[in-house]
Amino acid sequence: MTMFALLLLALVSALIAYISFLPDKFRIARSIVIDAPPEVVFRHINDFHNWADWSPWAKLDPDMKEEYGGTPQGYGATYSWSGDKQVGVGQMEIVESRQGERVGIKLEFKKPFKAKHDVQFNLKPLGENSTEVTWAMSGHHEFVGKAMHKFLNIDKTVGAQFDRGLADLKRVVESQPKIAAD
């Protein structure tokens, strides 16, 4: 072997070792404060039919095919999509639904890559009429996922999409007429 080939082999081996020792788990989270009670915000998250109003991915492919199943909303509700290369193919299912507090979702990507992640929306009341909403995604990486997360800065990319979605959720919720308390 030439000296160049040996050096290249050493660099590739070092890169593989480096990636192998990166964490297997990841978590991406973003938060926003919305001027509405948790119960009002919850309705927009707990029903996949409402996501077209605020989800950043719903706007990427206007020709995306969508299908809703399971229960109409809350625990057991499902949503699947098939679109262009920006949105791919996948499905979600609400696996936890606590009124005004939390929505937990199992997310499965099928194309352009396969992955399964957990998504959580946590709602924290701030006084009587404000809610801190935290949108988080977590999961496990295999080797390729570790490399993508490290070198493509998935936290920054997906985090920016979460920020856009949360800003749109805030706009949608706050633009609704306020209902007076009885």
Protein backbone atom coordinates (compact mmCIF):
# COMPACT_ATOMS: atom_id res chain seq x y z
CA MET A 1 0.00 0.00 0.00
CA THR A 2 1.11 3.50 -0.70
CA MET A 3 1.60 6.00 2.09
CA PHE A 4 -1.48 7.91 0.87
CA ALA A 5 -3.67 4.79 1.04
CA LEU A 6 -2.42 4.02 4.58
CA LEU A 7 -3.11 7.59 5.68
CA LEU A 8 -6.58 7.48 4.13
CA LEU A 9 -7.31 4.15 5.83
CA ALA A 10 -6.17 5.57 9.17
CA LEU A 11 -8.38 8.66 8.76
CA VAL A 12 -11.43 6.59 7.78
CA SER A 13 -10.82 4.24 10.72
CA ALA A 14 -10.53 7.20 13.12
CA LEU A 15 -13.75 8.70 11.74
CA ILE A 16 -15.61 5.39 12.15
CA ALA A 17 -14.32 5.07 15.72
CA TYR A 18 -15.31 8.67 16.50
CA ILE A 19 -18.87 8.19 15.15
CA SER A 20 -19.22 4.86 16.98
CA PHE A 21 -18.57 6.54 20.34
CA LEU A 22 -21.13 9.32 19.83
CA PRO A 23 -24.26 9.05 22.02
CA ASP A 24 -26.91 6.56 20.91
CA LYS A 25 -29.76 8.74 22.18
CA PHE A 26 -30.83 12.19 21.05
CA ARG A 27 -33.40 14.80 22.01
CA ILE A 28 -34.38 17.93 20.12
CA ALA A 29 -36.67 20.41 21.88
CA ARG A 30 -37.98 23.92 21.35
CA SER A 31 -40.43 26.01 23.40
CA ILE A 32 -42.67 29.03 22.97
CA VAL A 33 -45.15 30.93 25.14
CA ILE A 34 -48.66 31.22 23.73
CA ASP A 35 -51.19 33.69 25.11
CA ALA A 36 -53.98 31.17 25.70
CA PRO A 37 -54.86 28.63 28.39
CA PRO A 38 -53.42 25.10 28.00
CA GLU A 39 -56.85 23.62 27.14
CA VAL A 40 -57.13 25.90 24.09
CA VAL A 41 -53.62 25.11 22.84
CA PHE A 42 -54.17 21.40 23.49
CA ARG A 43 -57.07 21.22 20.98
CA HIS A 44 -54.74 22.24 18.14
CA ILE A 45 -52.16 19.58 18.97
CA ASN A 46 -54.40 16.68 20.04
CA ASP A 47 -56.24 16.54 16.67
CA PHE A 48 -54.14 15.76 13.57
CA HIS A 49 -56.83 17.42 11.43
CA ASN A 50 -55.70 20.78 12.90
CA TRP A 51 -52.02 20.32 12.08
CA ALA A 52 -52.33 21.65 8.52
CA ASP A 53 -52.84 25.10 10.08
CA TRP A 54 -49.46 25.15 11.82
CA SER A 55 -47.20 22.18 10.98
CA PRO A 56 -44.09 23.26 9.06
CA TRP A 57 -44.13 20.06 7.00
CA ALA A 58 -47.72 20.50 5.84
CA LYS A 59 -46.62 23.52 3.80
CA LEU A 60 -43.63 21.86 2.07
CA ASP A 61 -45.60 19.70 -0.38
CA PRO A 62 -49.06 20.94 -1.36
CA ASP A 63 -49.67 17.67 -3.28
CA MET A 64 -48.87 15.46 -0.28
CA LYS A 65 -51.32 12.58 0.21
CA GLU A 66 -52.71 12.40 3.74
CA GLU A 67 -54.81 9.83 5.56
CA TYR A 68 -56.39 10.01 9.00
CA GLY A 69 -57.42 6.94 10.99
CA GLY A 70 -58.09 5.54 14.41
CA THR A 71 -60.03 7.79 16.74
CA PRO A 72 -60.94 11.28 15.49
CA GLN A 73 -58.57 12.87 18.02
CA GLY A 74 -56.54 12.02 21.10
CA TYR A 75 -55.33 8.58 22.07
CA GLY A 76 -55.41 6.21 19.09
CA ALA A 77 -55.65 8.90 16.39
CA THR A 78 -53.37 8.22 13.42
CA TYR A 79 -52.06 10.29 10.55
CA SER A 80 -50.03 9.07 7.60
CA TRP A 81 -48.53 10.97 4.70
CA SER A 82 -46.79 10.39 1.41
CA GLY A 83 -45.14 13.25 -0.40
CA ASP A 84 -42.16 14.50 -2.30
CA LYS A 85 -38.54 14.14 -1.15
CA GLN A 86 -38.92 17.02 1.33
CA VAL A 87 -41.64 15.28 3.35
CA GLY A 88 -41.14 11.62 2.45
CA VAL A 89 -43.44 8.88 3.72
CA GLY A 90 -44.40 8.19 7.31
CA GLN A 91 -47.02 7.93 9.99
CA MET A 92 -47.84 9.17 13.48
CA GLU A 93 -50.05 7.83 16.25
CA ILE A 94 -51.12 9.60 19.42
CA VAL A 95 -50.15 7.27 22.25
CA GLU A 96 -50.71 9.65 25.16
CA SER A 97 -53.27 12.40 25.56
CA ARG A 98 -53.65 14.27 28.83
CA GLN A 99 -56.12 17.15 28.55
CA GLY A 100 -54.32 20.49 28.70
CA GLU A 101 -51.00 18.86 29.74
CA ARG A 102 -49.37 16.57 27.22
CA VAL A 103 -49.65 14.81 23.86
CA GLY A 104 -47.29 11.90 23.15
CA ILE A 105 -46.81 10.61 19.62
CA LYS A 106 -45.06 7.64 18.02
CA LEU A 107 -43.47 8.89 14.79
CA GLU A 108 -42.28 6.53 12.08
CA PHE A 109 -40.44 7.63 8.95
CA LYS A 110 -40.49 5.14 6.10
CA LYS A 111 -38.88 7.17 3.28
CA PRO A 112 -36.37 8.60 2.43
CA PHE A 113 -34.98 6.79 5.49
CA LYS A 114 -36.43 4.53 8.17
CA ALA A 115 -36.58 5.76 11.73
CA LYS A 116 -38.85 5.62 14.76
CA HIS A 117 -38.95 8.44 17.27
CA ASP A 118 -41.02 9.68 20.19
CA VAL A 119 -42.57 13.14 19.97
CA GLN A 120 -43.92 15.02 22.97
CA PHE A 121 -45.84 18.24 23.34
CA ASN A 122 -45.79 19.42 26.95
CA LEU A 123 -48.04 22.29 28.00
CA LYS A 124 -47.19 24.24 31.14
CA PRO A 125 -49.63 26.88 32.39
CA LEU A 126 -48.14 30.31 33.04
CA GLY A 127 -50.76 32.20 34.97
CA GLU A 128 -54.39 31.97 33.83
CA ASN A 129 -54.04 32.79 30.14
CA SER A 130 -50.60 31.76 28.94
CA THR A 131 -49.02 28.41 28.16
CA GLU A 132 -45.46 27.38 27.60
CA VAL A 133 -45.48 24.74 24.85
CA THR A 134 -42.44 22.48 24.47
CA TRP A 135 -42.18 20.37 21.32
CA ALA A 136 -39.59 17.60 21.65
CA MET A 137 -38.47 14.61 19.63
CA SER A 138 -36.26 11.87 21.01
CA GLY A 139 -34.98 8.51 19.93
CA HIS A 140 -32.04 6.23 19.33
CA HIS A 141 -29.41 6.44 16.61
CA GLU A 142 -27.73 3.71 14.71
CA PHE A 143 -24.34 4.44 13.12
CA VAL A 144 -25.66 6.40 10.10
CA GLY A 145 -28.04 8.37 12.31
CA LYS A 146 -25.18 9.33 14.62
CA ALA A 147 -23.17 10.59 11.65
CA MET A 148 -26.11 12.56 10.26
CA HIS A 149 -26.89 14.08 13.65
CA LYS A 150 -23.29 15.17 14.15
CA PHE A 151 -22.28 16.35 10.69
CA LEU A 152 -25.59 17.64 9.31
CA ASN A 153 -26.52 19.32 12.61
CA ILE A 154 -29.96 17.76 12.79
CA ASP A 155 -30.67 19.62 16.04
CA LYS A 156 -30.32 22.94 14.23
CA THR A 157 -32.27 21.81 11.15
CA VAL A 158 -35.17 20.08 12.90
CA GLY A 159 -35.09 22.66 15.69
CA ALA A 160 -35.62 25.43 13.12
CA GLN A 161 -38.66 23.55 11.80
CA PHE A 162 -39.99 23.17 15.35
CA ASP A 163 -39.50 26.93 15.86
CA ARG A 164 -41.48 27.69 12.67
CA GLY A 165 -44.23 25.28 13.66
CA LEU A 166 -44.49 26.69 17.17
CA ALA A 167 -44.61 30.26 15.81
CA ASP A 168 -47.43 29.25 13.47
CA LEU A 169 -49.23 27.43 16.31
CA LYS A 170 -48.96 30.62 18.37
CA ARG A 171 -50.31 32.71 15.47
CA VAL A 172 -53.26 30.32 14.91
CA VAL A 173 -54.21 30.01 18.58
CA GLU A 174 -53.83 33.71 19.39
CA SER A 175 -55.83 34.79 16.32
CA GLN A 176 -58.92 32.95 17.60
CA PRO A 177 -61.57 34.96 19.42
CA LYS A 178 -61.24 34.75 23.19
CA ILE A 179 -64.15 32.97 24.86
CA ALA A 180 -65.24 34.58 28.10
CA ALA A 181 -65.18 32.39 31.20
CA ASP A 182 -68.55 31.47 32.69
